[in-house]
Amino acid sequence: MTDFEKVHKLVEILDSKKARNIIALDLKGATIIADYFVICTAGSPAQMHALYESACEEMAKVDCPPQRCEGMKNPDWALIDFNGVMLHIFSTNMRDFYGLDNLWAEAEKMEINTIDEI
């Protein structure tokens, strides 16, 4: 699975669980951390957990299990590394606080409201 296909699959998963403000940042050439960041907002700690679990389970089904996970002990932020694609799930306050959308301003930004827009 290519990194872009991973982005597409993650957006599909997040959209199915009603994540808000989904964006993908194309970071190729900007960092060695990942080629893409996928960022979304969860409306509650329960939704954050559901998004986290769904992403891990559904990506594993397509032979792309998470390589590393961080932050699920904190109900405001989670990070899942899918080897080339990093998924960030934030509460509204933490997303505003960290401002990853703006921190990587040089990256191509794909705002996604539904899977059809990717």
C-alpha atoms as a PDB file:
ATOM      1  CA  MET A   1       0.000   0.000   0.000  1.00  0.00           C
ATOM      2  CA  THR A   2       1.435   3.380  -0.964  1.00  0.00           C
ATOM      3  CA  ASP A   3       1.485   6.255   1.498  1.00  0.00           C
ATOM      4  CA  PHE A   4      -1.193   8.067  -0.509  1.00  0.00           C
ATOM      5  CA  GLU A   5      -3.388   4.933  -0.374  1.00  0.00           C
ATOM      6  CA  LYS A   6      -2.872   4.872   3.406  1.00  0.00           C
ATOM      7  CA  VAL A   7      -4.029   8.506   3.577  1.00  0.00           C
ATOM      8  CA  HIS A   8      -7.115   7.654   1.537  1.00  0.00           C
ATOM      9  CA  LYS A   9      -7.942   4.648   3.748  1.00  0.00           C
ATOM     10  CA  LEU A  10      -7.434   6.650   6.954  1.00  0.00           C
ATOM     11  CA  VAL A  11      -9.698   9.440   5.702  1.00  0.00           C
ATOM     12  CA  GLU A  12     -12.338   6.835   4.853  1.00  0.00           C
ATOM     13  CA  ILE A  13     -12.079   5.366   8.381  1.00  0.00           C
ATOM     14  CA  LEU A  14     -12.145   8.762  10.100  1.00  0.00           C
ATOM     15  CA  ASP A  15     -15.066   9.949   7.985  1.00  0.00           C
ATOM     16  CA  SER A  16     -17.064   6.823   8.842  1.00  0.00           C
ATOM     17  CA  LYS A  17     -16.605   7.626  12.546  1.00  0.00           C
ATOM     18  CA  LYS A  18     -17.604  11.295  12.086  1.00  0.00           C
ATOM     19  CA  ALA A  19     -14.213  12.863  12.775  1.00  0.00           C
ATOM     20  CA  ARG A  20     -14.266  16.616  12.250  1.00  0.00           C
ATOM     21  CA  ASN A  21     -11.957  18.926  10.284  1.00  0.00           C
ATOM     22  CA  ILE A  22      -9.991  16.166   8.588  1.00  0.00           C
ATOM     23  CA  ILE A  23      -6.948  17.376   6.692  1.00  0.00           C
ATOM     24  CA  ALA A  24      -3.979  15.691   5.099  1.00  0.00           C
ATOM     25  CA  LEU A  25      -0.613  17.415   4.780  1.00  0.00           C
ATOM     26  CA  ASP A  26       1.802  16.323   2.073  1.00  0.00           C
ATOM     27  CA  LEU A  27       5.190  16.583   3.789  1.00  0.00           C
ATOM     28  CA  LYS A  28       7.335  14.875   1.159  1.00  0.00           C
ATOM     29  CA  GLY A  29      10.652  16.706   1.083  1.00  0.00           C
ATOM     30  CA  ALA A  30       9.809  18.820   4.139  1.00  0.00           C
ATOM     31  CA  THR A  31      10.726  16.264   6.837  1.00  0.00           C
ATOM     32  CA  ILE A  32      12.027  12.742   7.283  1.00  0.00           C
ATOM     33  CA  ILE A  33       9.393  12.034   9.944  1.00  0.00           C
ATOM     34  CA  ALA A  34       6.662  11.087   7.468  1.00  0.00           C
ATOM     35  CA  ASP A  35       5.455  11.742   3.942  1.00  0.00           C
ATOM     36  CA  TYR A  36       1.959  12.655   5.158  1.00  0.00           C
ATOM     37  CA  PHE A  37       0.229  13.837   8.305  1.00  0.00           C
ATOM     38  CA  VAL A  38      -3.476  13.166   8.631  1.00  0.00           C
ATOM     39  CA  ILE A  39      -5.039  15.408  11.278  1.00  0.00           C
ATOM     40  CA  CYS A  40      -8.562  15.331  12.667  1.00  0.00           C
ATOM     41  CA  THR A  41     -10.601  16.511  15.620  1.00  0.00           C
ATOM     42  CA  ALA A  42     -12.583  14.303  17.989  1.00  0.00           C
ATOM     43  CA  GLY A  43     -15.639  15.781  19.697  1.00  0.00           C
ATOM     44  CA  SER A  44     -15.191  13.853  22.940  1.00  0.00           C
ATOM     45  CA  PRO A  45     -12.818  11.439  24.692  1.00  0.00           C
ATOM     46  CA  ALA A  46     -15.140   8.573  23.707  1.00  0.00           C
ATOM     47  CA  GLN A  47     -14.978   9.578  20.051  1.00  0.00           C
ATOM     48  CA  MET A  48     -11.198   9.925  20.269  1.00  0.00           C
ATOM     49  CA  HIS A  49     -10.975   6.360  21.560  1.00  0.00           C
ATOM     50  CA  ALA A  50     -13.307   5.141  18.793  1.00  0.00           C
ATOM     51  CA  LEU A  51     -11.259   6.906  16.105  1.00  0.00           C
ATOM     52  CA  TYR A  52      -8.029   5.500  17.531  1.00  0.00           C
ATOM     53  CA  GLU A  53      -9.326   1.929  17.771  1.00  0.00           C
ATOM     54  CA  SER A  54     -10.961   2.009  14.341  1.00  0.00           C
ATOM     55  CA  ALA A  55      -7.837   3.363  12.655  1.00  0.00           C
ATOM     56  CA  CYS A  56      -5.637   0.691  14.234  1.00  0.00           C
ATOM     57  CA  GLU A  57      -8.043  -2.176  13.543  1.00  0.00           C
ATOM     58  CA  GLU A  58      -9.037  -1.222  10.003  1.00  0.00           C
ATOM     59  CA  MET A  59      -5.490  -0.453   8.876  1.00  0.00           C
ATOM     60  CA  ALA A  60      -4.299  -3.790  10.276  1.00  0.00           C
ATOM     61  CA  LYS A  61      -6.964  -5.492   8.133  1.00  0.00           C
ATOM     62  CA  VAL A  62      -5.279  -4.081   5.013  1.00  0.00           C
ATOM     63  CA  ASP A  63      -1.846  -5.247   6.185  1.00  0.00           C
ATOM     64  CA  CYS A  64      -0.798  -1.860   7.534  1.00  0.00           C
ATOM     65  CA  PRO A  65      -0.704  -2.178  11.325  1.00  0.00           C
ATOM     66  CA  PRO A  66       0.467   0.790  13.388  1.00  0.00           C
ATOM     67  CA  GLN A  67       4.220   0.959  13.974  1.00  0.00           C
ATOM     68  CA  ARG A  68       4.005   3.171  17.063  1.00  0.00           C
ATOM     69  CA  CYS A  69       1.241   4.762  19.109  1.00  0.00           C
ATOM     70  CA  GLU A  70       1.447   7.646  21.566  1.00  0.00           C
ATOM     71  CA  GLY A  71      -0.875   9.677  23.712  1.00  0.00           C
ATOM     72  CA  MET A  72      -3.932   7.525  24.339  1.00  0.00           C
ATOM     73  CA  LYS A  73      -3.468   7.952  28.094  1.00  0.00           C
ATOM     74  CA  ASN A  74      -4.262  11.610  27.446  1.00  0.00           C
ATOM     75  CA  PRO A  75      -7.853  12.228  26.278  1.00  0.00           C
ATOM     76  CA  ASP A  76      -6.776  15.287  24.261  1.00  0.00           C
ATOM     77  CA  TRP A  77      -4.320  13.878  21.714  1.00  0.00           C
ATOM     78  CA  ALA A  78      -3.222  10.636  20.088  1.00  0.00           C
ATOM     79  CA  LEU A  79      -0.581   9.878  17.474  1.00  0.00           C
ATOM     80  CA  ILE A  80      -0.432   6.725  15.383  1.00  0.00           C
ATOM     81  CA  ASP A  81       2.500   6.006  13.065  1.00  0.00           C
ATOM     82  CA  PHE A  82       1.548   4.034   9.969  1.00  0.00           C
ATOM     83  CA  ASN A  83       5.098   3.981   8.540  1.00  0.00           C
ATOM     84  CA  GLY A  84       5.130   7.029   6.294  1.00  0.00           C
ATOM     85  CA  VAL A  85       1.769   8.400   7.396  1.00  0.00           C
ATOM     86  CA  MET A  86       1.210   9.875  10.864  1.00  0.00           C
ATOM     87  CA  LEU A  87      -2.330  10.166  12.169  1.00  0.00           C
ATOM     88  CA  HIS A  88      -2.940  12.908  14.757  1.00  0.00           C
ATOM     89  CA  ILE A  89      -6.272  12.848  16.598  1.00  0.00           C
ATOM     90  CA  PHE A  90      -6.869  15.955  18.710  1.00  0.00           C
ATOM     91  CA  SER A  91      -9.511  17.405  20.968  1.00  0.00           C
ATOM     92  CA  THR A  92     -10.589  20.841  19.743  1.00  0.00           C
ATOM     93  CA  ASN A  93      -8.561  22.695  22.395  1.00  0.00           C
ATOM     94  CA  MET A  94      -5.376  20.721  21.800  1.00  0.00           C
ATOM     95  CA  ARG A  95      -5.617  21.054  18.043  1.00  0.00           C
ATOM     96  CA  ASP A  96      -5.809  24.819  18.430  1.00  0.00           C
ATOM     97  CA  PHE A  97      -2.985  24.787  20.999  1.00  0.00           C
ATOM     98  CA  TYR A  98      -0.509  22.752  18.928  1.00  0.00           C
ATOM     99  CA  GLY A  99      -1.470  24.284  15.592  1.00  0.00           C
ATOM    100  CA  LEU A 100       0.029  21.548  13.404  1.00  0.00           C
ATOM    101  CA  ASP A 101      -2.120  22.825  10.549  1.00  0.00           C
ATOM    102  CA  ASN A 102      -0.109  26.068  10.647  1.00  0.00           C
ATOM    103  CA  LEU A 103       3.233  24.686  11.841  1.00  0.00           C
ATOM    104  CA  TRP A 104       3.647  22.877   8.530  1.00  0.00           C
ATOM    105  CA  ALA A 105       2.398  25.818   6.455  1.00  0.00           C
ATOM    106  CA  GLU A 106       4.770  24.981   3.585  1.00  0.00           C
ATOM    107  CA  ALA A 107       3.142  21.570   3.123  1.00  0.00           C
ATOM    108  CA  GLU A 108       0.421  21.035   0.563  1.00  0.00           C
ATOM    109  CA  LYS A 109      -2.810  21.000   2.570  1.00  0.00           C
ATOM    110  CA  MET A 110      -5.746  18.851   1.550  1.00  0.00           C
ATOM    111  CA  GLU A 111      -8.884  19.822   3.475  1.00  0.00           C
ATOM    112  CA  ILE A 112     -11.280  16.943   3.496  1.00  0.00           C
ATOM    113  CA  ASN A 113     -14.914  17.057   4.519  1.00  0.00           C
ATOM    114  CA  THR A 114     -15.812  13.707   2.978  1.00  0.00           C
ATOM    115  CA  ILE A 115     -13.917  10.820   1.410  1.00  0.00           C
ATOM    116  CA  ASP A 116     -15.027  12.020  -2.022  1.00  0.00           C
ATOM    117  CA  GLU A 117     -12.841  15.109  -1.672  1.00  0.00           C
ATOM    118  CA  ILE A 118      -9.482  13.326  -1.477  1.00  0.00           C
END
